[in-house]
Amino acid sequence: MARSLRSDEGMTLIEVLVVLVIVGVLASTVALNVGALDRGGARLEHEADLLATRLTRAAEEVLISGQAAALIWDADSYRFVTVQDGAWVPHPVPILGEVQKIAAGLTLSRDGLTSGGYLLRPDMLPEAAGSLALNLAGGGTGTKVIFDGLSARQVAGG
């Protein structure tokens, strides 16, 4: 005798898989949105750490080579240059000479100016303008990258 299927016997495998897919999509959406809430702060800290590390690396290269270099920046990027045959050219170390784009939504400035340069000298004396303090800001928050002539560090509260 053929058994008739009743609606209260349970769910099919397809129905279970569809429910699992829907739950997975919803969980992913929630996780991405919750992660985005802190993404701005984490992105800001990450960019500041990268800038501080590159600035310290450039200072070390200046000490080793004895040749001056400069940090050139605008609101959304920065790079390092050095003198070669009397002209400023991109730094020979690729990670320094390449233009480094700052993450979207963040801006780089010094004393309110969104572009400028800073000379890194072999004697490690700061420029006449003093030590370098760059502000990195975005999304209502900010941080500073302070360079004392030898090393750079991130300081919260730009």
N, C-alpha and C. Protein backbone atom coordinates (compact mmCIF):
# COMPACT_ATOMS: atom_id res chain seq x y z
N MET A 1 0.83 -1.15 0.00
CA MET A 1 0.00 0.00 0.00
C MET A 1 0.90 1.24 0.00
N ALA A 2 0.58 2.17 -0.86
CA ALA A 2 1.36 3.39 -0.97
C ALA A 2 1.08 4.29 0.22
N ARG A 3 2.16 4.83 0.71
CA ARG A 3 2.04 5.72 1.86
C ARG A 3 1.83 7.15 1.37
N SER A 4 0.92 7.84 1.91
CA SER A 4 0.70 9.23 1.50
C SER A 4 1.55 10.15 2.37
N LEU A 5 2.07 11.20 1.75
CA LEU A 5 2.88 12.16 2.48
C LEU A 5 1.97 13.19 3.11
N ARG A 6 2.20 13.42 4.36
CA ARG A 6 1.43 14.45 5.03
C ARG A 6 2.35 15.64 5.28
N SER A 7 1.80 16.80 5.38
CA SER A 7 2.60 18.02 5.55
C SER A 7 3.29 18.09 6.90
N ASP A 8 2.88 17.32 7.87
CA ASP A 8 3.51 17.39 9.18
C ASP A 8 4.59 16.35 9.39
N GLU A 9 5.03 15.68 8.35
CA GLU A 9 6.05 14.65 8.49
C GLU A 9 7.47 15.20 8.57
N GLY A 10 7.69 16.44 8.22
CA GLY A 10 9.03 17.00 8.31
C GLY A 10 9.40 17.77 7.05
N MET A 11 10.68 18.18 7.01
CA MET A 11 11.17 18.98 5.88
C MET A 11 12.08 18.13 5.02
N THR A 12 12.14 18.50 3.77
CA THR A 12 13.04 17.80 2.86
C THR A 12 14.45 18.36 3.01
N LEU A 13 15.40 17.65 2.47
CA LEU A 13 16.79 18.09 2.52
C LEU A 13 16.96 19.43 1.81
N ILE A 14 16.29 19.63 0.72
CA ILE A 14 16.37 20.90 -0.03
C ILE A 14 15.89 22.05 0.85
N GLU A 15 14.82 21.85 1.57
CA GLU A 15 14.30 22.92 2.42
C GLU A 15 15.30 23.25 3.53
N VAL A 16 15.93 22.24 4.09
CA VAL A 16 16.94 22.47 5.13
C VAL A 16 18.12 23.24 4.56
N LEU A 17 18.59 22.86 3.36
CA LEU A 17 19.71 23.56 2.74
C LEU A 17 19.37 25.01 2.42
N VAL A 18 18.16 25.26 1.96
CA VAL A 18 17.74 26.64 1.66
C VAL A 18 17.76 27.47 2.93
N VAL A 19 17.27 26.93 4.01
CA VAL A 19 17.27 27.66 5.28
C VAL A 19 18.71 27.93 5.74
N LEU A 20 19.59 26.95 5.60
CA LEU A 20 20.99 27.15 5.99
C LEU A 20 21.66 28.24 5.14
N VAL A 21 21.36 28.27 3.86
CA VAL A 21 21.93 29.31 2.99
C VAL A 21 21.43 30.68 3.42
N ILE A 22 20.15 30.79 3.71
CA ILE A 22 19.60 32.09 4.14
C ILE A 22 20.23 32.53 5.45
N VAL A 23 20.37 31.62 6.41
CA VAL A 23 20.99 31.96 7.69
C VAL A 23 22.44 32.38 7.47
N GLY A 24 23.16 31.67 6.59
CA GLY A 24 24.55 32.02 6.30
C GLY A 24 24.69 33.41 5.70
N VAL A 25 23.81 33.74 4.76
CA VAL A 25 23.84 35.07 4.13
C VAL A 25 23.55 36.15 5.17
N LEU A 26 22.57 35.93 6.00
CA LEU A 26 22.24 36.91 7.04
C LEU A 26 23.38 37.07 8.04
N ALA A 27 24.00 35.97 8.44
CA ALA A 27 25.13 36.04 9.38
C ALA A 27 26.31 36.79 8.76
N SER A 28 26.57 36.56 7.49
CA SER A 28 27.66 37.26 6.80
C SER A 28 27.38 38.75 6.73
N THR A 29 26.16 39.12 6.42
CA THR A 29 25.79 40.53 6.33
C THR A 29 25.97 41.22 7.68
N VAL A 30 25.52 40.58 8.73
CA VAL A 30 25.67 41.16 10.08
C VAL A 30 27.14 41.28 10.43
N ALA A 31 27.93 40.25 10.17
CA ALA A 31 29.35 40.28 10.51
C ALA A 31 30.08 41.39 9.75
N LEU A 32 29.78 41.57 8.48
CA LEU A 32 30.43 42.61 7.69
C LEU A 32 30.04 44.00 8.18
N ASN A 33 28.79 44.18 8.54
CA ASN A 33 28.35 45.49 9.02
C ASN A 33 28.90 45.81 10.40
N VAL A 34 28.98 44.84 11.27
CA VAL A 34 29.55 45.07 12.59
C VAL A 34 31.04 45.36 12.46
N GLY A 35 31.73 44.65 11.58
CA GLY A 35 33.15 44.90 11.35
C GLY A 35 33.39 46.29 10.78
N ALA A 36 32.45 46.79 9.98
CA ALA A 36 32.61 48.11 9.36
C ALA A 36 32.55 49.22 10.39
N LEU A 37 31.91 48.99 11.53
CA LEU A 37 31.82 50.02 12.55
C LEU A 37 33.19 50.41 13.07
N ASP A 38 34.09 49.44 13.23
CA ASP A 38 35.43 49.72 13.73
C ASP A 38 36.45 49.85 12.62
N ARG A 39 36.03 49.58 11.40
CA ARG A 39 36.98 49.56 10.29
C ARG A 39 37.68 50.90 10.12
N GLY A 40 36.97 52.02 10.34
CA GLY A 40 37.58 53.33 10.18
C GLY A 40 38.73 53.54 11.15
N GLY A 41 38.53 53.19 12.42
CA GLY A 41 39.58 53.35 13.42
C GLY A 41 40.75 52.43 13.16
N ALA A 42 40.47 51.20 12.81
CA ALA A 42 41.54 50.25 12.53
C ALA A 42 42.30 50.67 11.27
N ARG A 43 41.58 51.15 10.28
CA ARG A 43 42.21 51.59 9.03
C ARG A 43 43.11 52.80 9.31
N LEU A 44 42.63 53.71 10.15
CA LEU A 44 43.41 54.90 10.51
C LEU A 44 44.70 54.50 11.22
N GLU A 45 44.61 53.61 12.19
CA GLU A 45 45.80 53.15 12.91
C GLU A 45 46.76 52.42 11.97
N HIS A 46 46.21 51.61 11.08
CA HIS A 46 47.05 50.87 10.13
C HIS A 46 47.82 51.84 9.23
N GLU A 47 47.14 52.82 8.68
CA GLU A 47 47.81 53.80 7.80
C GLU A 47 48.87 54.58 8.57
N ALA A 48 48.57 54.96 9.81
CA ALA A 48 49.55 55.70 10.62
C ALA A 48 50.77 54.83 10.92
N ASP A 49 50.54 53.56 11.22
CA ASP A 49 51.66 52.65 11.46
C ASP A 49 52.53 52.48 10.22
N LEU A 50 51.89 52.36 9.05
CA LEU A 50 52.65 52.24 7.81
C LEU A 50 53.50 53.48 7.55
N LEU A 51 52.91 54.66 7.74
CA LEU A 51 53.64 55.91 7.53
C LEU A 51 54.81 56.01 8.51
N ALA A 52 54.58 55.71 9.78
CA ALA A 52 55.65 55.78 10.78
C ALA A 52 56.77 54.80 10.45
N THR A 53 56.42 53.60 10.04
CA THR A 53 57.43 52.59 9.70
C THR A 53 58.24 53.03 8.49
N ARG A 54 57.57 53.54 7.47
CA ARG A 54 58.30 54.00 6.27
C ARG A 54 59.17 55.20 6.57
N LEU A 55 58.70 56.09 7.42
CA LEU A 55 59.48 57.27 7.78
C LEU A 55 60.73 56.86 8.55
N THR A 56 60.59 55.91 9.47
CA THR A 56 61.75 55.39 10.20
C THR A 56 62.71 54.69 9.25
N ARG A 57 62.19 53.91 8.32
CA ARG A 57 63.04 53.22 7.33
C ARG A 57 63.80 54.24 6.47
N ALA A 58 63.13 55.31 6.07
CA ALA A 58 63.80 56.34 5.28
C ALA A 58 64.92 57.00 6.08
N ALA A 59 64.68 57.24 7.37
CA ALA A 59 65.72 57.84 8.22
C ALA A 59 66.91 56.90 8.34
N GLU A 60 66.65 55.61 8.46
CA GLU A 60 67.75 54.63 8.52
C GLU A 60 68.54 54.63 7.22
N GLU A 61 67.86 54.71 6.09
CA GLU A 61 68.55 54.76 4.79
C GLU A 61 69.42 56.01 4.68
N VAL A 62 68.93 57.14 5.20
CA VAL A 62 69.71 58.37 5.18
C VAL A 62 70.97 58.21 6.04
N LEU A 63 70.83 57.60 7.21
CA LEU A 63 71.99 57.36 8.08
C LEU A 63 73.01 56.46 7.40
N ILE A 64 72.55 55.39 6.77
CA ILE A 64 73.45 54.42 6.14
C ILE A 64 74.15 55.02 4.93
N SER A 65 73.38 55.69 4.08
CA SER A 65 73.95 56.21 2.82
C SER A 65 74.63 57.56 2.99
N GLY A 66 74.24 58.32 4.02
CA GLY A 66 74.79 59.66 4.18
C GLY A 66 74.20 60.66 3.21
N GLN A 67 73.16 60.26 2.52
CA GLN A 67 72.53 61.11 1.50
C GLN A 67 71.14 61.53 1.97
N ALA A 68 70.85 62.82 1.88
CA ALA A 68 69.57 63.36 2.32
C ALA A 68 68.43 62.77 1.50
N ALA A 69 67.27 62.76 2.11
CA ALA A 69 66.04 62.33 1.44
C ALA A 69 64.95 63.28 1.91
N ALA A 70 63.82 63.22 1.27
CA ALA A 70 62.70 64.07 1.67
C ALA A 70 61.41 63.29 1.57
N LEU A 71 60.51 63.58 2.50
CA LEU A 71 59.15 63.07 2.46
C LEU A 71 58.30 64.13 1.77
N ILE A 72 57.60 63.73 0.73
CA ILE A 72 56.69 64.63 0.01
C ILE A 72 55.29 64.07 0.18
N TRP A 73 54.34 64.91 0.58
CA TRP A 73 52.99 64.42 0.77
C TRP A 73 51.96 65.40 0.25
N ASP A 74 50.79 64.87 -0.03
CA ASP A 74 49.60 65.67 -0.28
C ASP A 74 48.48 65.03 0.53
N ALA A 75 47.27 65.47 0.37
CA ALA A 75 46.17 65.04 1.23
C ALA A 75 45.94 63.53 1.20
N ASP A 76 46.20 62.88 0.06
CA ASP A 76 45.85 61.46 -0.03
C ASP A 76 46.99 60.54 -0.43
N SER A 77 48.25 61.02 -0.41
CA SER A 77 49.38 60.15 -0.74
C SER A 77 50.69 60.75 -0.22
N TYR A 78 51.73 59.94 -0.25
CA TYR A 78 53.06 60.40 0.11
C TYR A 78 54.10 59.52 -0.57
N ARG A 79 55.34 60.03 -0.64
CA ARG A 79 56.45 59.27 -1.20
C ARG A 79 57.74 59.89 -0.69
N PHE A 80 58.82 59.18 -0.89
CA PHE A 80 60.13 59.68 -0.49
C PHE A 80 60.97 59.89 -1.74
N VAL A 81 61.76 60.95 -1.72
CA VAL A 81 62.65 61.28 -2.84
C VAL A 81 64.05 61.49 -2.29
N THR A 82 65.02 61.41 -3.19
CA THR A 82 66.42 61.64 -2.84
C THR A 82 67.09 62.38 -4.00
N VAL A 83 68.23 62.97 -3.74
CA VAL A 83 68.93 63.73 -4.77
C VAL A 83 69.84 62.80 -5.56
N GLN A 84 69.72 62.90 -6.89
CA GLN A 84 70.59 62.13 -7.78
C GLN A 84 70.94 63.03 -8.96
N ASP A 85 72.21 63.25 -9.17
CA ASP A 85 72.70 64.14 -10.24
C ASP A 85 72.06 65.52 -10.15
N GLY A 86 71.92 66.02 -8.94
CA GLY A 86 71.40 67.37 -8.73
C GLY A 86 69.90 67.53 -8.84
N ALA A 87 69.16 66.44 -8.98
CA ALA A 87 67.70 66.53 -9.09
C ALA A 87 67.03 65.57 -8.10
N TRP A 88 65.86 65.94 -7.64
CA TRP A 88 65.09 65.07 -6.76
C TRP A 88 64.43 63.98 -7.59
N VAL A 89 64.68 62.73 -7.22
CA VAL A 89 64.12 61.58 -7.93
C VAL A 89 63.50 60.64 -6.89
N PRO A 90 62.62 59.74 -7.34
CA PRO A 90 62.05 58.78 -6.38
C PRO A 90 63.16 58.01 -5.66
N HIS A 91 62.93 57.72 -4.40
CA HIS A 91 63.90 57.00 -3.58
C HIS A 91 64.19 55.65 -4.23
N PRO A 92 65.46 55.20 -4.22
CA PRO A 92 65.80 53.93 -4.87
C PRO A 92 65.22 52.69 -4.17
N VAL A 93 64.87 52.79 -2.91
CA VAL A 93 64.22 51.66 -2.22
C VAL A 93 62.75 51.68 -2.64
N PRO A 94 62.29 50.63 -3.32
CA PRO A 94 60.93 50.65 -3.89
C PRO A 94 59.82 51.01 -2.91
N ILE A 95 59.84 50.48 -1.70
CA ILE A 95 58.75 50.76 -0.76
C ILE A 95 58.73 52.22 -0.33
N LEU A 96 59.84 52.91 -0.52
CA LEU A 96 59.91 54.34 -0.20
C LEU A 96 59.65 55.21 -1.43
N GLY A 97 60.18 54.81 -2.57
CA GLY A 97 60.07 55.62 -3.78
C GLY A 97 58.70 55.59 -4.44
N GLU A 98 57.95 54.51 -4.20
CA GLU A 98 56.61 54.42 -4.81
C GLU A 98 55.65 55.37 -4.11
N VAL A 99 54.73 55.90 -4.87
CA VAL A 99 53.68 56.74 -4.28
C VAL A 99 52.78 55.85 -3.44
N GLN A 100 52.63 56.20 -2.18
CA GLN A 100 51.80 55.43 -1.26
C GLN A 100 50.47 56.15 -1.11
N LYS A 101 49.42 55.53 -1.61
CA LYS A 101 48.07 56.10 -1.50
C LYS A 101 47.53 55.83 -0.11
N ILE A 102 46.93 56.82 0.48
CA ILE A 102 46.29 56.67 1.79
C ILE A 102 44.88 56.16 1.55
N ALA A 103 44.40 55.32 2.46
CA ALA A 103 43.06 54.72 2.32
C ALA A 103 42.00 55.79 2.10
N ALA A 104 41.00 55.46 1.31
CA ALA A 104 39.92 56.38 1.00
C ALA A 104 39.27 56.88 2.28
N GLY A 105 38.96 58.15 2.30
CA GLY A 105 38.31 58.75 3.45
C GLY A 105 39.27 59.32 4.48
N LEU A 106 40.59 59.09 4.31
CA LEU A 106 41.58 59.62 5.23
C LEU A 106 42.36 60.73 4.55
N THR A 107 42.81 61.71 5.32
CA THR A 107 43.62 62.80 4.78
C THR A 107 44.87 62.99 5.63
N LEU A 108 45.92 63.45 4.99
CA LEU A 108 47.20 63.69 5.62
C LEU A 108 47.48 65.18 5.59
N SER A 109 47.89 65.76 6.72
CA SER A 109 48.18 67.19 6.76
C SER A 109 49.22 67.50 7.83
N ARG A 110 49.78 68.70 7.72
CA ARG A 110 50.70 69.22 8.73
C ARG A 110 50.34 70.67 8.98
N ASP A 111 50.01 70.98 10.21
CA ASP A 111 49.62 72.34 10.58
C ASP A 111 48.52 72.88 9.67
N GLY A 112 47.58 72.03 9.30
CA GLY A 112 46.46 72.44 8.46
C GLY A 112 46.74 72.44 6.97
N LEU A 113 47.99 72.22 6.58
CA LEU A 113 48.36 72.20 5.16
C LEU A 113 48.28 70.77 4.65
N THR A 114 47.59 70.57 3.53
CA THR A 114 47.41 69.22 3.00
C THR A 114 48.46 68.82 1.97
N SER A 115 49.52 69.58 1.85
CA SER A 115 50.64 69.17 1.02
C SER A 115 51.90 69.81 1.55
N GLY A 116 53.03 69.17 1.28
CA GLY A 116 54.29 69.72 1.74
C GLY A 116 55.41 68.72 1.65
N GLY A 117 56.51 69.06 2.26
CA GLY A 117 57.67 68.19 2.26
C GLY A 117 58.47 68.36 3.54
N TYR A 118 59.29 67.37 3.83
CA TYR A 118 60.14 67.41 5.02
C TYR A 118 61.47 66.77 4.67
N LEU A 119 62.55 67.48 4.94
CA LEU A 119 63.89 67.02 4.62
C LEU A 119 64.44 66.12 5.72
N LEU A 120 64.93 64.96 5.33
CA LEU A 120 65.59 64.02 6.24
C LEU A 120 67.09 64.17 5.98
N ARG A 121 67.81 64.70 6.95
CA ARG A 121 69.22 65.00 6.77
C ARG A 121 70.10 63.93 7.40
N PRO A 122 71.30 63.72 6.83
CA PRO A 122 72.21 62.72 7.40
C PRO A 122 72.64 63.02 8.83
N ASP A 123 72.67 64.30 9.23
CA ASP A 123 73.05 64.64 10.61
C ASP A 123 71.88 64.47 11.58
N MET A 124 70.70 64.10 11.04
CA MET A 124 69.49 63.81 11.81
C MET A 124 68.95 65.01 12.59
N LEU A 125 69.43 66.21 12.26
CA LEU A 125 68.87 67.39 12.88
C LEU A 125 67.55 67.72 12.20
N PRO A 126 66.55 68.09 12.98
CA PRO A 126 65.27 68.42 12.36
C PRO A 126 65.38 69.70 11.54
N GLU A 127 64.46 69.86 10.61
CA GLU A 127 64.39 71.07 9.81
C GLU A 127 64.24 72.28 10.71
N ALA A 128 64.40 73.45 10.14
CA ALA A 128 64.22 74.69 10.91
C ALA A 128 62.81 74.74 11.50
N ALA A 129 61.86 74.11 10.84
CA ALA A 129 60.48 74.11 11.32
C ALA A 129 60.28 73.18 12.51
N GLY A 130 61.32 72.43 12.89
CA GLY A 130 61.22 71.53 14.05
C GLY A 130 60.87 70.12 13.64
N SER A 131 60.53 69.32 14.64
CA SER A 131 60.19 67.93 14.36
C SER A 131 58.91 67.87 13.53
N LEU A 132 58.72 66.75 12.89
CA LEU A 132 57.58 66.57 12.00
C LEU A 132 56.41 65.97 12.77
N ALA A 133 55.27 66.58 12.65
CA ALA A 133 54.03 66.04 13.24
C ALA A 133 52.98 66.06 12.14
N LEU A 134 52.70 64.89 11.58
CA LEU A 134 51.69 64.77 10.53
C LEU A 134 50.38 64.29 11.14
N ASN A 135 49.29 64.90 10.71
CA ASN A 135 47.96 64.49 11.16
C ASN A 135 47.35 63.59 10.11
N LEU A 136 46.81 62.48 10.55
CA LEU A 136 46.10 61.56 9.68
C LEU A 136 44.69 61.49 10.24
N ALA A 137 43.71 61.90 9.44
CA ALA A 137 42.34 62.01 9.96
C ALA A 137 41.33 61.47 8.98
N GLY A 138 40.20 61.07 9.52
CA GLY A 138 39.09 60.61 8.71
C GLY A 138 37.96 60.12 9.57
N GLY A 139 36.73 60.39 9.14
CA GLY A 139 35.57 59.89 9.86
C GLY A 139 35.42 60.47 11.25
N GLY A 140 35.87 61.70 11.45
CA GLY A 140 35.73 62.34 12.75
C GLY A 140 36.79 61.95 13.77
N THR A 141 37.73 61.09 13.39
CA THR A 141 38.80 60.71 14.31
C THR A 141 40.14 61.02 13.65
N GLY A 142 41.17 60.99 14.45
CA GLY A 142 42.48 61.27 13.89
C GLY A 142 43.58 60.76 14.78
N THR A 143 44.78 60.76 14.23
CA THR A 143 45.98 60.37 14.96
C THR A 143 47.14 61.17 14.39
N LYS A 144 48.23 61.21 15.11
CA LYS A 144 49.43 61.92 14.65
C LYS A 144 50.56 60.93 14.46
N VAL A 145 51.41 61.25 13.49
CA VAL A 145 52.66 60.53 13.31
C VAL A 145 53.74 61.56 13.61
N ILE A 146 54.52 61.30 14.65
CA ILE A 146 55.56 62.22 15.11
C ILE A 146 56.92 61.64 14.69
N PHE A 147 57.74 62.50 14.06
CA PHE A 147 59.09 62.11 13.65
C PHE A 147 60.08 63.05 14.32
N ASP A 148 61.02 62.51 15.07
CA ASP A 148 61.97 63.33 15.83
C ASP A 148 63.33 63.50 15.14
N GLY A 149 63.45 63.03 13.92
CA GLY A 149 64.72 63.11 13.21
C GLY A 149 65.41 61.76 13.09
N LEU A 150 65.00 60.82 13.94
CA LEU A 150 65.60 59.49 13.92
C LEU A 150 64.56 58.39 13.77
N SER A 151 63.45 58.55 14.45
CA SER A 151 62.39 57.53 14.36
C SER A 151 61.02 58.21 14.42
N ALA A 152 60.03 57.47 13.94
CA ALA A 152 58.67 57.98 13.92
C ALA A 152 57.80 57.07 14.76
N ARG A 153 56.74 57.64 15.30
CA ARG A 153 55.79 56.87 16.10
C ARG A 153 54.40 57.46 15.93
N GLN A 154 53.42 56.63 16.19
CA GLN A 154 52.03 57.05 16.13
C GLN A 154 51.60 57.50 17.52
N VAL A 155 50.88 58.63 17.58
CA VAL A 155 50.35 59.14 18.83
C VAL A 155 48.87 59.37 18.62
N ALA A 156 48.04 58.77 19.44
CA ALA A 156 46.59 58.89 19.29
C ALA A 156 46.14 60.34 19.49
N GLY A 157 45.05 60.67 18.83
CA GLY A 157 44.44 61.99 19.01
C GLY A 157 45.01 63.06 18.12
N GLY A 158 44.76 62.91 16.81
CA GLY A 158 45.25 63.90 15.85
C GLY A 158 44.32 65.00 15.78
